[in-house]
Amino acid sequence: MKKFLGNWRIVVWITCIVFSLLFMTNAIPLNKGEGIGFGKGLDYGLDFAGGTQLQLRLEKPVDSDTMSIEKGILENRLNSLGLKDIPVRPWGNQYMLIAVAGASPEETRDIEGILKQQARFEERIDGELAVLGDEITVDLSPQGVQIYAQGNIFTWSVSVTHNQDGACRFGKVGEGKIGRPVDIFIDRPANTTILMTEVTYKTLSETTSMGDEDNLYFGDTAAEIIENRSSIPIIVYSENETVTRLEEFKAQGYNTVIIAEDEFSLNESIRNMLEENGFETARIPQENLTITPHLWIKKLTGLQSSPRLNFNTKGNCVYSAIITGSSVTLEEAREEVTGNQILLTSGNLPAKLSVESKSTTPPTLGMKFLKYGFLTGIVSFLTVSILILLKYKRISIAAPLMAAGLSEVLIILGLASLINWQIDLPAVAGIIASVGTGVDQLILITDETIKPGSKKKKIISLSESLKRAFFIIFTAAATTIAAMIPLLGIGAGMLKGFAFTTIMGVLVGVLIARPAYAKIIENMIKSEM
């Protein structure tokens, strides 16, 4: 035992197994709402948890760049619901799949509603409306994007056009505002006031920049970004005056109140009082105002980006405009371009879509799939174990071999828990494929290490045999990974789950489980000499 535990490969293997079990059972809480129990740390796809899958059809085939922008817009809209992380998977050049595991009928209706409606896009300059979403068109062609180096900085630009209403309003609002931010909002809270304590308001009034976020502040305070540039009134809570002030705003059409504090600062009794007076309420507290106030401001206001107005409109209609910015690296510049294209087209999808089909898996049926899949796995494991035992006729060899094979499954599931990768049927197929080849390679290691038929199981040039075995193993692993990489492409759809888990399983096997098993079998044979 000391010899085994003294080898770092075996220690790493055991450590990975232990942490994987802790992740899978949620003992290390990755999935806090599920409690502790076998499999509670795993995130199941709709095959096992039940849910709804929607197939969307674009009105026409599109290229990969347009598909990427369409996907980004839909993910921005859907995940703004706050329900769950909703993946959007392109399928070919005209279809998309949206799978929502564990979705209730109400959540499914909300998702379909979001897919059918346009997001409310606004550009504002110092709080004044400049352009609406249906008044802007983004040039998504390669000619509409410019990226060039200026010293150590990469400057980028995105070209847009406005219709007549948007062009003339933009020109009027932007007059004399050169150098000021053009604030881009997605679903800015309308007819809404924000309620906060005096301490929070004072902090916001004194916050003017936070290092890299100077491109958001432009010399304004955080409070001015909310009140002036976002046009959302702030009310400082006062036990005697709050209701009176809110009633004054209500008379002007402000019927929603965002409580910008946690329950300790402004408790639920205040929220109940507001609702009794006919206000709709929402609570959006800051996590840590002194560290990331800009993220909280964006969440409160719907503010997405603030590029600078780099020319004087002089009050003239501006039909063509260029959104510009700069980044430290070329990769960051490309990401900024894509991000701004997504934001600028969030009011209008590049290609219209329709829900072509919808399939629903009841949770009870999904649990049956999971139960039968688990039982099938146990039966398969026992069957293979019996065959291995019959082949080698020694528990001392069969037991560590099957333990290594089982450990690969556990470590793959532990990694899936850690990165919140959904376990669905394609993922299970990938696990089976990787573990199946893994058992073959474990047998190869065993056969190369011991002499079949020899009663004394003498060593046959042990180090050379292991080198030969691992050369075959690494070659096979490289071939498998190379075959799976194309399936990770944009058009692979659900095959991505199969490809990802297969690659992950192969890497777990060749880097962790199989080297540890080789050391175990090597030490066993040496101890028998």
Foldseek 3Di string as FASTA:
>chain_A
DCLLCVDVLSVVLVVLLVLLQCQQQCVVPLPVVQHGDHRSLAFAFCLQQWFKKFKKWFPDFDDPLLVVLLQVLLQVQLCLVVPDRWHWAAAHRTMIMITDGPDDPVSVVVSQVSLPAFWWKFWFFQQHTQDTLVFKDWDSDPVQKDWDDDPLKIKIKTKMFGPQVNQLSNLQRQAPVAFTWGWMFTCFPPLEAEEEAPVVLVVQQPAQDDVVCNLVRVRHGNNSCVCGGLVHHYDHDDPPCPVVVVVVSVVVPNQEYEYAADCVRPNVVVVVVSVVVRHHYHYQYDPDCVHCVVVSSCSNGRTDGIFGRHDRSNSGGHGMDMGMDMDSDPVVNVVVNSVVSSSSNSRPRPTRMDRPDMDIDDSVSSNVVVVVVVVVVVVVLVVVLVVVCVQVVDCLLSVLLSVLLVSLVSSLSSVCSVVVPHDDDLLVLLSCVLSVVLSVLSVQLVCLAFPPPDPLRAGDVRVVSNVVSLVVLVVVLVVLLVVLVVCCDSNNGPNVSSSVNNNSSSCCRSPRRNVSSSSSSNVVNVVSD
